[in-house]
Amino acid sequence: MIKSALYTIAAGLDTRFQQLEYLHKTFNFLLDTETLMTADAIDLGDLQRKCTDFATAFPDDVNGARLVDEIQDCRILVSRRVGVEVTPLGILKFIVSFGGNDVFPNLKVGLQILLTVSISVAGCKR
């Protein structure tokens, strides 16, 4: 009985950590908007790989190649604006205020997914 309960707990923890690892791998580059938008230099190859991985996770929502271009263009605009909050929500607000749905559609959708995905390590109570 005790071994069964411990096995169930261990299996549940393993599953949750795998989910968190997947979410971290998929969304980490969008979470670090400070680096993404304001770093002096950005590794274009690394950014392309991350955007491709993100687009693979959400193929119906995001185009990875276009996402790379949109991030680079958004970096230029953010660097020239004063008062833009360089957080995922701040960048999303900037995009919406700058041009609504027509400007940076892939970056906008990516940030919306990031900000709305349910991340939880708490299980349901019985």
C-alpha atoms as a PDB file:
ATOM      1  CA  MET A   1       0.000   0.000   0.000  1.00  0.00           C
ATOM      2  CA  ILE A   2       2.723   2.487   1.004  1.00  0.00           C
ATOM      3  CA  LYS A   3       4.918   1.481  -1.944  1.00  0.00           C
ATOM      4  CA  SER A   4       1.980   2.020  -4.287  1.00  0.00           C
ATOM      5  CA  ALA A   5       1.306   5.486  -2.865  1.00  0.00           C
ATOM      6  CA  LEU A   6       4.973   6.460  -3.113  1.00  0.00           C
ATOM      7  CA  TYR A   7       5.138   5.188  -6.669  1.00  0.00           C
ATOM      8  CA  THR A   8       2.068   7.236  -7.586  1.00  0.00           C
ATOM      9  CA  ILE A   9       3.545  10.359  -6.005  1.00  0.00           C
ATOM     10  CA  ALA A  10       6.880   9.849  -7.766  1.00  0.00           C
ATOM     11  CA  ALA A  11       5.169   9.261 -11.113  1.00  0.00           C
ATOM     12  CA  GLY A  12       3.035  12.383 -10.655  1.00  0.00           C
ATOM     13  CA  LEU A  13       6.073  14.517  -9.827  1.00  0.00           C
ATOM     14  CA  ASP A  14       7.938  13.144 -12.822  1.00  0.00           C
ATOM     15  CA  THR A  15       5.033  13.986 -15.136  1.00  0.00           C
ATOM     16  CA  ARG A  16       4.740  17.518 -13.752  1.00  0.00           C
ATOM     17  CA  PHE A  17       8.463  18.181 -14.111  1.00  0.00           C
ATOM     18  CA  GLN A  18       8.373  16.923 -17.695  1.00  0.00           C
ATOM     19  CA  GLN A  19       5.503  19.312 -18.427  1.00  0.00           C
ATOM     20  CA  LEU A  20       7.355  22.218 -16.833  1.00  0.00           C
ATOM     21  CA  GLU A  21      10.511  21.357 -18.775  1.00  0.00           C
ATOM     22  CA  TYR A  22       8.533  21.331 -22.026  1.00  0.00           C
ATOM     23  CA  LEU A  23       6.932  24.690 -21.219  1.00  0.00           C
ATOM     24  CA  HIS A  24      10.311  26.163 -20.296  1.00  0.00           C
ATOM     25  CA  LYS A  25      11.877  24.917 -23.529  1.00  0.00           C
ATOM     26  CA  THR A  26       8.995  26.209 -25.635  1.00  0.00           C
ATOM     27  CA  PHE A  27       8.370  29.603 -24.023  1.00  0.00           C
ATOM     28  CA  ASN A  28      11.648  30.616 -22.362  1.00  0.00           C
ATOM     29  CA  PHE A  29      12.819  32.945 -25.115  1.00  0.00           C
ATOM     30  CA  LEU A  30       9.508  34.844 -25.042  1.00  0.00           C
ATOM     31  CA  LEU A  31       9.584  35.105 -21.254  1.00  0.00           C
ATOM     32  CA  ASP A  32      12.980  36.798 -21.317  1.00  0.00           C
ATOM     33  CA  THR A  33      11.749  39.862 -23.192  1.00  0.00           C
ATOM     34  CA  GLU A  34      14.435  42.036 -21.610  1.00  0.00           C
ATOM     35  CA  THR A  35      17.118  40.101 -23.490  1.00  0.00           C
ATOM     36  CA  LEU A  36      14.931  39.514 -26.536  1.00  0.00           C
ATOM     37  CA  MET A  37      14.134  43.198 -27.046  1.00  0.00           C
ATOM     38  CA  THR A  38      17.057  45.154 -25.608  1.00  0.00           C
ATOM     39  CA  ALA A  39      20.230  43.049 -25.784  1.00  0.00           C
ATOM     40  CA  ASP A  40      23.046  44.677 -27.746  1.00  0.00           C
ATOM     41  CA  ALA A  41      23.596  41.564 -29.808  1.00  0.00           C
ATOM     42  CA  ILE A  42      21.303  38.648 -30.425  1.00  0.00           C
ATOM     43  CA  ASP A  43      22.345  35.227 -31.718  1.00  0.00           C
ATOM     44  CA  LEU A  44      20.278  34.993 -34.892  1.00  0.00           C
ATOM     45  CA  GLY A  45      20.838  31.242 -35.317  1.00  0.00           C
ATOM     46  CA  ASP A  46      19.694  30.563 -31.768  1.00  0.00           C
ATOM     47  CA  LEU A  47      16.662  32.820 -32.221  1.00  0.00           C
ATOM     48  CA  GLN A  48      15.728  31.034 -35.451  1.00  0.00           C
ATOM     49  CA  ARG A  49      15.961  27.650 -33.715  1.00  0.00           C
ATOM     50  CA  LYS A  50      13.793  28.816 -30.815  1.00  0.00           C
ATOM     51  CA  CYS A  51      11.190  30.337 -33.128  1.00  0.00           C
ATOM     52  CA  THR A  52      11.117  27.152 -35.209  1.00  0.00           C
ATOM     53  CA  ASP A  53      10.625  25.060 -32.057  1.00  0.00           C
ATOM     54  CA  PHE A  54       7.841  27.387 -30.949  1.00  0.00           C
ATOM     55  CA  ALA A  55       6.163  27.217 -34.368  1.00  0.00           C
ATOM     56  CA  THR A  56       6.431  23.422 -34.273  1.00  0.00           C
ATOM     57  CA  ALA A  57       4.550  23.416 -30.966  1.00  0.00           C
ATOM     58  CA  PHE A  58       1.865  25.742 -32.394  1.00  0.00           C
ATOM     59  CA  PRO A  59       1.867  25.094 -36.162  1.00  0.00           C
ATOM     60  CA  ASP A  60      -1.618  26.485 -36.808  1.00  0.00           C
ATOM     61  CA  ASP A  61      -0.918  29.722 -34.954  1.00  0.00           C
ATOM     62  CA  VAL A  62       2.647  30.845 -35.638  1.00  0.00           C
ATOM     63  CA  ASN A  63       5.023  30.951 -38.601  1.00  0.00           C
ATOM     64  CA  GLY A  64       8.555  30.503 -37.209  1.00  0.00           C
ATOM     65  CA  ALA A  65      10.416  32.312 -40.015  1.00  0.00           C
ATOM     66  CA  ARG A  66       8.113  35.300 -39.845  1.00  0.00           C
ATOM     67  CA  LEU A  67       8.329  35.325 -36.049  1.00  0.00           C
ATOM     68  CA  VAL A  68      12.108  35.840 -36.288  1.00  0.00           C
ATOM     69  CA  ASP A  69      11.635  38.804 -38.626  1.00  0.00           C
ATOM     70  CA  GLU A  70       8.908  40.296 -36.443  1.00  0.00           C
ATOM     71  CA  ILE A  71      11.062  40.040 -33.325  1.00  0.00           C
ATOM     72  CA  GLN A  72      13.921  41.813 -35.080  1.00  0.00           C
ATOM     73  CA  ASP A  73      11.626  44.579 -36.344  1.00  0.00           C
ATOM     74  CA  CYS A  74       9.940  44.952 -32.959  1.00  0.00           C
ATOM     75  CA  ARG A  75      13.377  45.263 -31.311  1.00  0.00           C
ATOM     76  CA  ILE A  76      14.079  48.299 -33.492  1.00  0.00           C
ATOM     77  CA  LEU A  77      10.774  49.953 -32.623  1.00  0.00           C
ATOM     78  CA  VAL A  78      11.056  49.225 -28.897  1.00  0.00           C
ATOM     79  CA  SER A  79      14.601  50.621 -28.799  1.00  0.00           C
ATOM     80  CA  ARG A  80      13.342  53.894 -30.277  1.00  0.00           C
ATOM     81  CA  ARG A  81      10.375  54.295 -27.930  1.00  0.00           C
ATOM     82  CA  VAL A  82      10.555  55.603 -24.402  1.00  0.00           C
ATOM     83  CA  GLY A  83       8.343  54.110 -21.743  1.00  0.00           C
ATOM     84  CA  VAL A  84       7.723  50.709 -23.278  1.00  0.00           C
ATOM     85  CA  GLU A  85       7.517  48.154 -20.490  1.00  0.00           C
ATOM     86  CA  VAL A  86       9.840  45.368 -21.600  1.00  0.00           C
ATOM     87  CA  THR A  87       7.813  42.458 -20.243  1.00  0.00           C
ATOM     88  CA  PRO A  88       5.709  39.995 -22.224  1.00  0.00           C
ATOM     89  CA  LEU A  89       2.545  41.916 -21.310  1.00  0.00           C
ATOM     90  CA  GLY A  90       4.207  45.277 -21.965  1.00  0.00           C
ATOM     91  CA  ILE A  91       5.399  44.189 -25.412  1.00  0.00           C
ATOM     92  CA  LEU A  92       1.932  42.832 -26.209  1.00  0.00           C
ATOM     93  CA  LYS A  93       0.348  46.135 -25.171  1.00  0.00           C
ATOM     94  CA  PHE A  94       2.891  47.993 -27.309  1.00  0.00           C
ATOM     95  CA  ILE A  95       2.084  45.840 -30.350  1.00  0.00           C
ATOM     96  CA  VAL A  96      -1.665  46.301 -29.921  1.00  0.00           C
ATOM     97  CA  SER A  97      -1.340  50.067 -29.443  1.00  0.00           C
ATOM     98  CA  PHE A  98       1.091  50.370 -32.352  1.00  0.00           C
ATOM     99  CA  GLY A  99      -0.969  48.626 -34.984  1.00  0.00           C
ATOM    100  CA  GLY A 100      -3.519  46.196 -33.629  1.00  0.00           C
ATOM    101  CA  ASN A 101      -3.783  42.899 -35.478  1.00  0.00           C
ATOM    102  CA  ASP A 102      -1.911  44.044 -38.562  1.00  0.00           C
ATOM    103  CA  VAL A 103       1.509  44.593 -36.979  1.00  0.00           C
ATOM    104  CA  PHE A 104       3.635  41.638 -35.822  1.00  0.00           C
ATOM    105  CA  PRO A 105       0.816  39.050 -35.967  1.00  0.00           C
ATOM    106  CA  ASN A 106       3.052  36.073 -35.128  1.00  0.00           C
ATOM    107  CA  LEU A 107       4.741  37.806 -32.189  1.00  0.00           C
ATOM    108  CA  LYS A 108       1.360  38.991 -30.948  1.00  0.00           C
ATOM    109  CA  VAL A 109      -0.116  35.486 -31.085  1.00  0.00           C
ATOM    110  CA  GLY A 110       3.009  34.017 -29.477  1.00  0.00           C
ATOM    111  CA  LEU A 111       2.790  36.446 -26.572  1.00  0.00           C
ATOM    112  CA  GLN A 112      -0.950  35.819 -26.227  1.00  0.00           C
ATOM    113  CA  ILE A 113      -0.335  32.076 -26.027  1.00  0.00           C
ATOM    114  CA  LEU A 114       2.437  32.617 -23.494  1.00  0.00           C
ATOM    115  CA  LEU A 115       0.273  34.836 -21.314  1.00  0.00           C
ATOM    116  CA  THR A 116      -2.789  32.598 -21.421  1.00  0.00           C
ATOM    117  CA  VAL A 117      -1.314  29.106 -21.148  1.00  0.00           C
ATOM    118  CA  SER A 118      -2.267  27.545 -17.855  1.00  0.00           C
ATOM    119  CA  ILE A 119       0.854  26.631 -15.920  1.00  0.00           C
ATOM    120  CA  SER A 120       0.234  24.781 -12.712  1.00  0.00           C
ATOM    121  CA  VAL A 121       1.978  22.246 -10.560  1.00  0.00           C
ATOM    122  CA  ALA A 122      -0.991  21.825  -8.259  1.00  0.00           C
ATOM    123  CA  GLY A 123      -3.182  18.799  -8.651  1.00  0.00           C
ATOM    124  CA  CYS A 124      -6.927  18.706  -8.205  1.00  0.00           C
ATOM    125  CA  LYS A 125      -8.166  17.969  -4.727  1.00  0.00           C
ATOM    126  CA  ARG A 126     -10.423  14.976  -4.349  1.00  0.00           C
END
